[in-house]
C-alpha atoms as a PDB file:
ATOM      1  CA  MET A   1     108.114  93.181 111.372  1.00  0.00           C
ATOM      2  CA  GLU A   2     111.055  91.140 111.146  1.00  0.00           C
ATOM      3  CA  LYS A   3     114.005  91.815 108.724  1.00  0.00           C
ATOM      4  CA  TYR A   4     113.869  90.031 105.003  1.00  0.00           C
ATOM      5  CA  GLN A   5     116.446  87.725 104.768  1.00  0.00           C
ATOM      6  CA  LYS A   6     117.587  85.490 101.530  1.00  0.00           C
ATOM      7  CA  LEU A   7     114.363  83.118 101.283  1.00  0.00           C
ATOM      8  CA  THR A   8     114.995  79.415  99.986  1.00  0.00           C
ATOM      9  CA  GLY A   9     112.236  77.261  99.965  1.00  0.00           C
ATOM     10  CA  ILE A  10     109.288  75.391  98.097  1.00  0.00           C
ATOM     11  CA  ALA A  11     107.657  77.386  95.528  1.00  0.00           C
ATOM     12  CA  ALA A  12     103.874  76.315  95.076  1.00  0.00           C
ATOM     13  CA  PRO A  13     102.325  76.768  91.817  1.00  0.00           C
ATOM     14  CA  MET A  14      99.447  78.169  91.653  1.00  0.00           C
ATOM     15  CA  PRO A  15      98.246  79.447  88.002  1.00  0.00           C
ATOM     16  CA  LEU A  16      94.819  80.253  88.707  1.00  0.00           C
ATOM     17  CA  ILE A  17      94.399  83.910  87.504  1.00  0.00           C
ATOM     18  CA  ASN A  18      92.295  86.373  89.398  1.00  0.00           C
ATOM     19  CA  ILE A  19      93.069  84.965  92.622  1.00  0.00           C
ATOM     20  CA  ASP A  20      91.043  87.449  94.684  1.00  0.00           C
ATOM     21  CA  THR A  21      91.594  88.463  98.515  1.00  0.00           C
ATOM     22  CA  ASP A  22      87.957  86.408  99.872  1.00  0.00           C
ATOM     23  CA  MET A  23      89.496  83.491  97.662  1.00  0.00           C
ATOM     24  CA  ILE A  24      92.998  83.981  99.825  1.00  0.00           C
ATOM     25  CA  ILE A  25      90.997  84.566 102.885  1.00  0.00           C
ATOM     26  CA  PRO A  26      87.079  84.421 103.152  1.00  0.00           C
ATOM     27  CA  LYS A  27      85.003  87.155 104.730  1.00  0.00           C
ATOM     28  CA  VAL A  28      83.787  84.629 107.135  1.00  0.00           C
ATOM     29  CA  PHE A  29      87.287  85.236 109.262  1.00  0.00           C
ATOM     30  CA  LEU A  30      87.802  88.768 108.837  1.00  0.00           C
ATOM     31  CA  LYS A  31      86.356  89.269 112.742  1.00  0.00           C
ATOM     32  CA  THR A  32      89.391  88.940 114.099  1.00  0.00           C
ATOM     33  CA  ILE A  33      92.408  91.867 114.014  1.00  0.00           C
ATOM     34  CA  LYS A  34      94.882  89.598 114.929  1.00  0.00           C
ATOM     35  CA  ARG A  35      97.729  88.953 112.451  1.00  0.00           C
ATOM     36  CA  SER A  36      98.308  85.425 114.110  1.00  0.00           C
ATOM     37  CA  GLY A  37      96.621  82.515 113.539  1.00  0.00           C
ATOM     38  CA  LEU A  38      94.784  83.009 109.628  1.00  0.00           C
ATOM     39  CA  GLY A  39      97.156  80.844 108.193  1.00  0.00           C
ATOM     40  CA  VAL A  40      95.040  77.720 108.741  1.00  0.00           C
ATOM     41  CA  ASN A  41      92.521  79.834 106.911  1.00  0.00           C
ATOM     42  CA  LEU A  42      94.088  80.337 103.882  1.00  0.00           C
ATOM     43  CA  PHE A  43      92.256  79.647 101.021  1.00  0.00           C
ATOM     44  CA  ALA A  44      89.870  77.649 102.909  1.00  0.00           C
ATOM     45  CA  GLU A  45      86.886  77.111 100.591  1.00  0.00           C
ATOM     46  CA  MET A  46      89.615  75.684  97.834  1.00  0.00           C
ATOM     47  CA  ARG A  47      91.482  73.988 100.835  1.00  0.00           C
ATOM     48  CA  TYR A  48      88.669  72.136 102.786  1.00  0.00           C
ATOM     49  CA  ASN A  49      85.285  70.561 102.047  1.00  0.00           C
ATOM     50  CA  ASP A  50      82.325  71.975 104.146  1.00  0.00           C
ATOM     51  CA  ASP A  51      82.955  68.817 106.590  1.00  0.00           C
ATOM     52  CA  GLY A  52      86.655  70.102 107.370  1.00  0.00           C
ATOM     53  CA  SER A  53      88.425  67.454 106.001  1.00  0.00           C
ATOM     54  CA  GLU A  54      91.392  68.633 103.352  1.00  0.00           C
ATOM     55  CA  LYS A  55      91.083  68.617  99.646  1.00  0.00           C
ATOM     56  CA  ASP A  56      93.685  66.410  98.428  1.00  0.00           C
ATOM     57  CA  ASP A  57      94.288  67.827  94.564  1.00  0.00           C
ATOM     58  CA  PHE A  58      95.069  71.802  96.524  1.00  0.00           C
ATOM     59  CA  VAL A  59      98.139  72.007  96.277  1.00  0.00           C
ATOM     60  CA  LEU A  60      98.682  73.415  99.916  1.00  0.00           C
ATOM     61  CA  ASN A  61      97.193  69.690 100.468  1.00  0.00           C
ATOM     62  CA  GLN A  62      99.909  67.622  99.291  1.00  0.00           C
ATOM     63  CA  PRO A  63     102.984  66.707 100.918  1.00  0.00           C
ATOM     64  CA  ALA A  64     105.262  68.247  98.890  1.00  0.00           C
ATOM     65  CA  TYR A  65     103.665  71.903  99.170  1.00  0.00           C
ATOM     66  CA  ARG A  66     102.747  71.400 102.988  1.00  0.00           C
ATOM     67  CA  ASP A  67     106.157  73.467 103.687  1.00  0.00           C
ATOM     68  CA  ALA A  68     105.796  76.095 100.672  1.00  0.00           C
ATOM     69  CA  GLU A  69     107.795  79.518 101.728  1.00  0.00           C
ATOM     70  CA  ILE A  70     107.106  80.827  97.796  1.00  0.00           C
ATOM     71  CA  ILE A  71     103.869  80.795  95.821  1.00  0.00           C
ATOM     72  CA  VAL A  72     104.221  81.441  91.819  1.00  0.00           C
ATOM     73  CA  ALA A  73     100.470  82.334  90.710  1.00  0.00           C
ATOM     74  CA  GLY A  74      98.594  83.448  87.770  1.00  0.00           C
ATOM     75  CA  ASP A  75      97.379  86.979  86.771  1.00  0.00           C
ATOM     76  CA  ASN A  76      95.995  89.501  89.129  1.00  0.00           C
ATOM     77  CA  PHE A  77      96.639  88.240  92.103  1.00  0.00           C
ATOM     78  CA  GLY A  78      95.464  89.863  94.799  1.00  0.00           C
ATOM     79  CA  CYS A  79      92.495  91.275  93.290  1.00  0.00           C
ATOM     80  CA  GLY A  80      88.788  91.960  94.603  1.00  0.00           C
ATOM     81  CA  SER A  81      88.489  94.010  97.795  1.00  0.00           C
ATOM     82  CA  SER A  82      91.027  95.333  99.922  1.00  0.00           C
ATOM     83  CA  ARG A  83      91.287  93.629 102.968  1.00  0.00           C
ATOM     84  CA  GLU A  84      94.797  93.272 104.905  1.00  0.00           C
ATOM     85  CA  HIS A  85      93.855  89.833 106.736  1.00  0.00           C
ATOM     86  CA  ALA A  86      94.467  88.424 103.262  1.00  0.00           C
ATOM     87  CA  PRO A  87      98.505  89.300 103.616  1.00  0.00           C
ATOM     88  CA  TRP A  88      98.128  88.272 106.656  1.00  0.00           C
ATOM     89  CA  ALA A  89      96.975  84.999 106.352  1.00  0.00           C
ATOM     90  CA  ILE A  90      99.900  84.046 103.847  1.00  0.00           C
ATOM     91  CA  LYS A  91     102.371  85.752 105.963  1.00  0.00           C
ATOM     92  CA  ASP A  92     100.983  83.510 108.910  1.00  0.00           C
ATOM     93  CA  PHE A  93     101.142  79.643 106.424  1.00  0.00           C
ATOM     94  CA  GLY A  94     105.212  80.419 105.761  1.00  0.00           C
ATOM     95  CA  VAL A  95     104.840  82.534 102.804  1.00  0.00           C
ATOM     96  CA  ARG A  96     106.979  85.351 102.208  1.00  0.00           C
ATOM     97  CA  CYS A  97     107.203  85.809  98.606  1.00  0.00           C
ATOM     98  CA  VAL A  98     104.589  85.039  95.786  1.00  0.00           C
ATOM     99  CA  VAL A  99     105.368  85.739  92.453  1.00  0.00           C
ATOM    100  CA  SER A 100     102.895  86.642  89.409  1.00  0.00           C
ATOM    101  CA  THR A 101     102.637  89.486  86.413  1.00  0.00           C
ATOM    102  CA  GLY A 102     100.374  91.186  88.085  1.00  0.00           C
ATOM    103  CA  PHE A 103      98.913  92.522  91.837  1.00  0.00           C
ATOM    104  CA  ALA A 104      96.104  94.197  92.256  1.00  0.00           C
ATOM    105  CA  ASP A 105      97.789  97.892  93.212  1.00  0.00           C
ATOM    106  CA  ILE A 106      96.276  97.668  97.168  1.00  0.00           C
ATOM    107  CA  PHE A 107      97.173  93.957  97.656  1.00  0.00           C
ATOM    108  CA  PHE A 108     100.567  95.019  96.067  1.00  0.00           C
ATOM    109  CA  SER A 109     100.849  97.619  98.677  1.00  0.00           C
ATOM    110  CA  ASN A 110      99.642  95.593 102.127  1.00  0.00           C
ATOM    111  CA  CYS A 111     102.390  93.243 100.833  1.00  0.00           C
ATOM    112  CA  PHE A 112     105.040  94.927 101.486  1.00  0.00           C
ATOM    113  CA  LYS A 113     103.925  96.355 105.110  1.00  0.00           C
ATOM    114  CA  ASN A 114     103.712  93.195 106.102  1.00  0.00           C
ATOM    115  CA  GLY A 115     107.124  91.205 105.485  1.00  0.00           C
ATOM    116  CA  ILE A 116     105.949  89.608 101.805  1.00  0.00           C
ATOM    117  CA  LEU A 117     107.671  89.886  98.751  1.00  0.00           C
ATOM    118  CA  PRO A 118     105.469  90.540  95.325  1.00  0.00           C
ATOM    119  CA  ILE A 119     107.755  89.891  92.094  1.00  0.00           C
ATOM    120  CA  VAL A 120     106.372  91.135  89.399  1.00  0.00           C
ATOM    121  CA  LEU A 121     107.663  89.119  85.888  1.00  0.00           C
ATOM    122  CA  PRO A 122     107.024  88.751  82.331  1.00  0.00           C
ATOM    123  CA  LYS A 123     104.788  85.909  81.452  1.00  0.00           C
ATOM    124  CA  GLU A 124     107.298  83.604  80.221  1.00  0.00           C
ATOM    125  CA  GLN A 125     109.764  83.729  83.445  1.00  0.00           C
ATOM    126  CA  VAL A 126     106.547  83.344  85.274  1.00  0.00           C
ATOM    127  CA  ASP A 127     106.289  80.113  83.056  1.00  0.00           C
ATOM    128  CA  LEU A 128     109.243  79.236  83.636  1.00  0.00           C
ATOM    129  CA  LEU A 129     109.546  79.328  87.508  1.00  0.00           C
ATOM    130  CA  MET A 130     105.827  77.626  87.527  1.00  0.00           C
ATOM    131  CA  LYS A 131     107.446  74.685  85.903  1.00  0.00           C
ATOM    132  CA  ASP A 132     110.063  74.603  88.061  1.00  0.00           C
ATOM    133  CA  ALA A 133     107.809  74.266  91.154  1.00  0.00           C
ATOM    134  CA  GLU A 134     105.910  72.216  89.871  1.00  0.00           C
ATOM    135  CA  LYS A 135     108.542  70.076  90.684  1.00  0.00           C
ATOM    136  CA  GLY A 136     107.878  69.576  94.211  1.00  0.00           C
ATOM    137  CA  ALA A 137     109.889  69.606  97.162  1.00  0.00           C
ATOM    138  CA  ASN A 138     113.370  68.585  96.230  1.00  0.00           C
ATOM    139  CA  ALA A 139     112.760  71.888  93.903  1.00  0.00           C
ATOM    140  CA  ARG A 140     113.781  74.621  96.361  1.00  0.00           C
ATOM    141  CA  MET A 141     114.265  78.135  94.866  1.00  0.00           C
ATOM    142  CA  THR A 142     116.239  81.073  96.084  1.00  0.00           C
ATOM    143  CA  VAL A 143     114.380  84.596  96.546  1.00  0.00           C
ATOM    144  CA  ASP A 144     117.549  87.001  97.020  1.00  0.00           C
ATOM    145  CA  LEU A 145     116.138  90.470  97.697  1.00  0.00           C
ATOM    146  CA  GLU A 146     119.114  92.210  98.449  1.00  0.00           C
ATOM    147  CA  ALA A 147     120.405  91.131  94.917  1.00  0.00           C
ATOM    148  CA  GLN A 148     117.149  90.735  93.265  1.00  0.00           C
ATOM    149  CA  GLU A 149     117.889  87.627  91.904  1.00  0.00           C
ATOM    150  CA  ILE A 150     115.492  84.608  91.962  1.00  0.00           C
ATOM    151  CA  THR A 151     117.525  81.330  91.323  1.00  0.00           C
ATOM    152  CA  THR A 152     115.332  78.025  90.259  1.00  0.00           C
ATOM    153  CA  SER A 153     116.377  74.693  91.266  1.00  0.00           C
ATOM    154  CA  ASP A 154     118.381  74.211  88.159  1.00  0.00           C
ATOM    155  CA  GLY A 155     120.896  77.238  88.744  1.00  0.00           C
ATOM    156  CA  GLU A 156     118.986  79.549  86.527  1.00  0.00           C
ATOM    157  CA  VAL A 157     119.074  83.144  87.323  1.00  0.00           C
ATOM    158  CA  ILE A 158     116.292  85.565  86.651  1.00  0.00           C
ATOM    159  CA  ALA A 159     116.407  89.339  88.131  1.00  0.00           C
ATOM    160  CA  PHE A 160     113.601  91.243  88.935  1.00  0.00           C
ATOM    161  CA  ASP A 161     113.000  94.866  89.683  1.00  0.00           C
ATOM    162  CA  VAL A 162     111.917  96.351  92.994  1.00  0.00           C
ATOM    163  CA  ASP A 163     111.063  99.928  94.276  1.00  0.00           C
ATOM    164  CA  ALA A 164     113.902 100.962  96.394  1.00  0.00           C
ATOM    165  CA  PHE A 165     112.127 102.660  99.411  1.00  0.00           C
ATOM    166  CA  LYS A 166     109.767  99.498 100.016  1.00  0.00           C
ATOM    167  CA  LYS A 167     113.393  97.136  99.304  1.00  0.00           C
ATOM    168  CA  HIS A 168     115.138  99.310 102.027  1.00  0.00           C
ATOM    169  CA  CYS A 169     111.868  98.641 104.595  1.00  0.00           C
ATOM    170  CA  LEU A 170     111.908  94.892 103.765  1.00  0.00           C
ATOM    171  CA  LEU A 171     115.485  94.313 104.530  1.00  0.00           C
ATOM    172  CA  GLU A 172     115.255  96.278 107.606  1.00  0.00           C
ATOM    173  CA  GLY A 173     112.249  95.168 108.805  1.00  0.00           C
ATOM    174  CA  LEU A 174     110.206  98.984 108.870  1.00  0.00           C
ATOM    175  CA  ASP A 175     106.498  98.825 108.797  1.00  0.00           C
ATOM    176  CA  ASP A 176     104.546 101.953 108.976  1.00  0.00           C
ATOM    177  CA  ILE A 177     104.487 102.304 112.394  1.00  0.00           C
ATOM    178  CA  SER A 178     108.549 101.714 113.255  1.00  0.00           C
ATOM    179  CA  LEU A 179     109.380 104.268 109.940  1.00  0.00           C
ATOM    180  CA  THR A 180     107.260 106.639 112.266  1.00  0.00           C
ATOM    181  CA  LEU A 181     108.669 105.815 115.700  1.00  0.00           C
ATOM    182  CA  ALA A 182     112.256 106.455 113.868  1.00  0.00           C
ATOM    183  CA  LYS A 183     110.845 110.079 113.644  1.00  0.00           C
ATOM    184  CA  ALA A 184     110.441 110.043 117.320  1.00  0.00           C
ATOM    185  CA  ASP A 185     112.800 112.943 118.529  1.00  0.00           C
ATOM    186  CA  ALA A 186     111.449 115.299 115.445  1.00  0.00           C
ATOM    187  CA  ILE A 187     108.104 114.526 116.549  1.00  0.00           C
ATOM    188  CA  GLN A 188     108.301 115.696 120.181  1.00  0.00           C
ATOM    189  CA  SER A 189     110.420 118.440 119.022  1.00  0.00           C
ATOM    190  CA  PHE A 190     107.680 119.908 116.804  1.00  0.00           C
ATOM    191  CA  GLU A 191     105.057 119.389 119.385  1.00  0.00           C
ATOM    192  CA  GLN A 192     106.903 121.158 122.218  1.00  0.00           C
ATOM    193  CA  GLN A 193     107.598 124.238 119.894  1.00  0.00           C
ATOM    194  CA  ALA A 194     104.033 124.107 118.587  1.00  0.00           C
ATOM    195  CA  GLN A 195     102.977 124.155 122.492  1.00  0.00           C
ATOM    196  CA  GLN A 196     105.029 127.000 122.791  1.00  0.00           C
ATOM    197  CA  SER A 197     104.253 129.082 119.750  1.00  0.00           C
ATOM    198  CA  ARG A 198     100.593 128.189 120.148  1.00  0.00           C
ATOM    199  CA  PRO A 199      99.991 127.077 123.560  1.00  0.00           C
ATOM    200  CA  TRP A 200      95.785 128.022 122.871  1.00  0.00           C
ATOM    201  CA  VAL A 201      95.431 124.652 120.921  1.00  0.00           C
END
Protein backbone atom coordinates (compact mmCIF):
# COMPACT_ATOMS: atom_id res chain seq x y z
CA MET A 1 0.00 0.00 0.00
CA GLU A 2 1.40 3.41 -0.94
CA LYS A 3 2.15 5.95 1.76
CA TYR A 4 -0.53 8.55 2.32
CA GLN A 5 0.84 11.96 1.42
CA LYS A 6 -0.70 15.38 1.91
CA LEU A 7 -3.60 15.48 -0.54
CA THR A 8 -4.62 18.59 -2.47
CA GLY A 9 -7.41 17.99 -4.93
CA ILE A 10 -10.91 18.52 -6.20
CA ALA A 11 -13.72 17.58 -3.82
CA ALA A 12 -16.97 16.22 -5.22
CA PRO A 13 -20.15 17.11 -3.29
CA MET A 14 -22.43 14.11 -2.67
CA PRO A 15 -25.01 15.26 -0.09
CA LEU A 16 -27.20 12.16 -0.39
CA ILE A 17 -27.51 10.31 2.93
CA ASN A 18 -27.27 6.53 3.39
CA ILE A 19 -25.12 5.88 0.33
CA ASP A 20 -24.71 2.13 0.76
CA THR A 21 -22.10 -0.25 -0.59
CA ASP A 22 -24.43 -1.54 -3.32
CA MET A 23 -24.75 2.03 -4.60
CA ILE A 24 -20.97 2.42 -4.41
CA ILE A 25 -20.32 -0.81 -6.33
CA PRO A 26 -23.37 -2.85 -7.43
CA LYS A 27 -23.30 -6.58 -6.68
CA VAL A 28 -23.01 -7.52 -10.36
CA PHE A 29 -19.38 -6.32 -10.24
CA LEU A 30 -18.34 -8.42 -7.22
CA LYS A 31 -17.10 -11.39 -9.26
CA THR A 32 -13.49 -10.20 -9.31
CA ILE A 33 -11.00 -10.46 -6.47
CA LYS A 34 -8.69 -7.90 -8.08
CA ARG A 35 -8.47 -4.46 -6.49
CA SER A 36 -7.94 -2.74 -9.84
CA GLY A 37 -10.41 -2.07 -12.63
CA LEU A 38 -13.43 -1.33 -10.45
CA GLY A 39 -13.21 2.46 -10.68
CA VAL A 40 -15.13 2.53 -13.96
CA ASN A 41 -18.05 0.84 -12.16
CA LEU A 42 -18.05 3.15 -9.14
CA PHE A 43 -21.62 4.35 -8.48
CA ALA A 44 -22.59 2.56 -11.71
CA GLU A 45 -26.37 2.70 -11.26
CA MET A 46 -26.29 6.42 -10.46
CA ARG A 47 -23.61 7.14 -13.05
CA TYR A 48 -24.85 5.35 -16.18
CA ASN A 49 -28.07 4.91 -18.13
CA ASP A 50 -29.26 1.42 -19.11
CA ASP A 51 -27.55 1.79 -22.50
CA GLY A 52 -24.21 2.54 -20.83
CA SER A 53 -24.22 6.26 -21.57
CA GLU A 54 -23.39 8.67 -18.79
CA LYS A 55 -26.04 10.49 -16.79
CA ASP A 56 -25.20 14.16 -17.19
CA ASP A 57 -26.58 15.14 -13.81
CA PHE A 58 -24.40 12.78 -11.77
CA VAL A 59 -21.62 14.68 -10.06
CA LEU A 60 -18.67 12.52 -11.14
CA ASN A 61 -19.77 12.78 -14.79
CA GLN A 62 -19.57 16.55 -14.70
CA PRO A 63 -16.35 18.02 -16.14
CA ALA A 64 -15.47 19.81 -12.91
CA TYR A 65 -15.47 16.59 -10.88
CA ARG A 66 -14.17 13.87 -13.20
CA ASP A 67 -10.79 14.00 -11.46
CA ALA A 68 -12.11 14.33 -7.91
CA GLU A 69 -9.83 12.91 -5.22
CA ILE A 70 -12.08 13.80 -2.28
CA ILE A 71 -15.77 13.12 -1.68
CA VAL A 72 -17.80 15.21 0.73
CA ALA A 73 -20.77 13.00 1.51
CA GLY A 74 -24.04 12.88 3.40
CA ASP A 75 -24.47 10.98 6.65
CA ASN A 76 -24.02 7.20 7.05
CA PHE A 77 -21.76 6.70 4.04
CA GLY A 78 -20.85 3.10 3.25
CA CYS A 79 -23.77 1.44 5.02
CA GLY A 80 -25.24 -1.86 3.83
CA SER A 81 -23.36 -5.08 3.15
CA SER A 82 -19.73 -5.37 4.19
CA ARG A 83 -18.14 -5.63 0.73
CA GLU A 84 -14.49 -4.65 0.51
CA HIS A 85 -15.03 -4.01 -3.20
CA ALA A 86 -16.56 -0.65 -2.20
CA PRO A 87 -13.29 0.95 -1.04
CA TRP A 88 -11.49 -0.85 -3.86
CA ALA A 89 -13.72 0.93 -6.39
CA ILE A 90 -13.37 4.29 -4.67
CA LYS A 91 -9.58 4.00 -4.57
CA ASP A 92 -9.36 2.76 -8.17
CA PHE A 93 -11.38 5.78 -9.35
CA GLY A 94 -8.78 8.02 -7.70
CA VAL A 95 -10.54 9.14 -4.52
CA ARG A 96 -8.27 9.07 -1.45
CA CYS A 97 -10.45 10.79 1.14
CA VAL A 98 -14.15 10.73 2.06
CA VAL A 99 -15.62 13.23 4.52
CA SER A 100 -18.96 12.64 6.22
CA THR A 101 -20.78 13.03 9.51
CA GLY A 102 -20.73 9.26 9.89
CA PHE A 103 -19.69 5.97 8.28
CA ALA A 104 -20.74 2.36 8.62
CA ASP A 105 -18.19 0.66 10.90
CA ILE A 106 -16.97 -2.06 8.52
CA PHE A 107 -16.67 0.32 5.57
CA PHE A 108 -14.82 2.81 7.80
CA SER A 109 -12.31 0.14 8.79
CA ASN A 110 -11.91 -1.14 5.23
CA CYS A 111 -11.06 2.35 4.01
CA PHE A 112 -7.97 2.54 6.21
CA LYS A 113 -6.90 -0.94 5.12
CA ASN A 114 -7.04 0.16 1.48
CA GLY A 115 -5.30 3.54 1.65
CA ILE A 116 -8.39 5.76 1.92
CA LEU A 117 -8.80 8.33 4.70
CA PRO A 118 -12.38 8.52 6.02
CA ILE A 119 -12.91 11.69 8.08
CA VAL A 120 -15.82 12.19 10.50
CA LEU A 121 -16.82 15.78 11.23
CA PRO A 122 -19.81 17.56 12.77
CA LYS A 123 -22.62 18.45 10.38
CA GLU A 124 -21.88 22.17 10.34
CA GLN A 125 -18.31 21.52 9.22
CA VAL A 126 -19.37 18.98 6.60
CA ASP A 127 -21.92 21.52 5.33
CA LEU A 128 -19.15 24.12 5.02
CA LEU A 129 -16.98 21.68 3.05
CA MET A 130 -19.98 20.72 0.91
CA LYS A 131 -20.49 24.35 -0.09
CA ASP A 132 -16.79 24.68 -0.86
CA ALA A 133 -16.91 21.55 -3.01
CA GLU A 134 -19.87 22.92 -4.94
CA LYS A 135 -17.62 25.66 -6.33
CA GLY A 136 -16.17 23.16 -8.80
CA ALA A 137 -12.70 22.41 -10.11
CA ASN A 138 -11.23 25.76 -9.09
CA ALA A 139 -11.97 25.07 -5.42
CA ARG A 140 -9.25 22.67 -4.30
CA MET A 141 -9.08 21.39 -0.74
CA THR A 142 -6.00 20.17 1.09
CA VAL A 143 -6.16 17.21 3.47
CA ASP A 144 -3.09 17.04 5.70
CA LEU A 145 -3.11 13.74 7.57
CA GLU A 146 0.07 14.48 9.50
CA ALA A 147 -1.35 17.75 10.85
CA GLN A 148 -4.93 16.35 10.93
CA GLU A 149 -6.29 19.39 9.13
CA ILE A 150 -8.46 20.15 6.10
CA THR A 151 -7.90 23.50 4.41
CA THR A 152 -10.71 24.82 2.22
CA SER A 153 -10.21 26.71 -1.02
CA ASP A 154 -10.73 29.91 0.98
CA GLY A 155 -8.03 29.04 3.46
CA GLU A 156 -10.28 28.03 6.35
CA VAL A 157 -8.72 25.26 8.44
CA ILE A 158 -10.77 22.45 9.98
CA ALA A 159 -9.14 20.02 12.40
CA PHE A 160 -10.15 16.36 12.46
CA ASP A 161 -9.52 13.38 14.73
CA VAL A 162 -8.06 10.08 13.60
CA ASP A 163 -6.99 6.98 15.49
CA ALA A 164 -3.22 7.14 16.10
CA PHE A 165 -2.53 3.59 14.92
CA LYS A 166 -4.62 3.95 11.77
CA LYS A 167 -2.91 7.28 11.05
CA HIS A 168 0.50 5.61 11.43
CA CYS A 169 -0.48 2.81 9.04
CA LEU A 170 -1.68 5.25 6.37
CA LEU A 171 1.37 7.50 6.65
CA GLU A 172 3.70 4.50 6.40
CA GLY A 173 1.66 2.63 3.79
CA LEU A 174 1.08 -0.40 6.02
CA ASP A 175 -1.82 -2.75 5.36
CA ASP A 176 -2.53 -5.93 7.34
CA ILE A 177 -0.08 -7.97 5.24
CA SER A 178 2.68 -5.40 5.66
CA LEU A 179 2.12 -5.32 9.41
CA THR A 180 2.40 -9.11 9.54
CA LEU A 181 5.54 -9.20 7.38
CA ALA A 182 7.16 -6.67 9.72
CA LYS A 183 7.00 -9.38 12.39
CA ALA A 184 8.42 -12.09 10.10
CA ASP A 185 11.56 -12.68 12.19
CA ALA A 186 9.57 -13.05 15.41
CA ILE A 187 7.11 -15.38 13.70
CA GLN A 188 9.91 -17.55 12.31
CA SER A 189 11.63 -17.66 15.70
CA PHE A 190 8.39 -18.72 17.39
CA GLU A 191 7.80 -21.47 14.81
CA GLN A 192 11.33 -22.81 15.27
CA GLN A 193 10.97 -22.89 19.05
CA ALA A 194 7.56 -24.50 18.79
CA GLN A 195 8.91 -27.19 16.47
CA GLN A 196 11.75 -27.98 18.87
CA SER A 197 9.58 -28.09 21.97
CA ARG A 198 6.65 -29.90 20.32
CA PRO A 199 8.01 -31.89 17.34
CA TRP A 200 4.85 -34.03 17.30
CA VAL A 201 2.63 -31.09 16.34
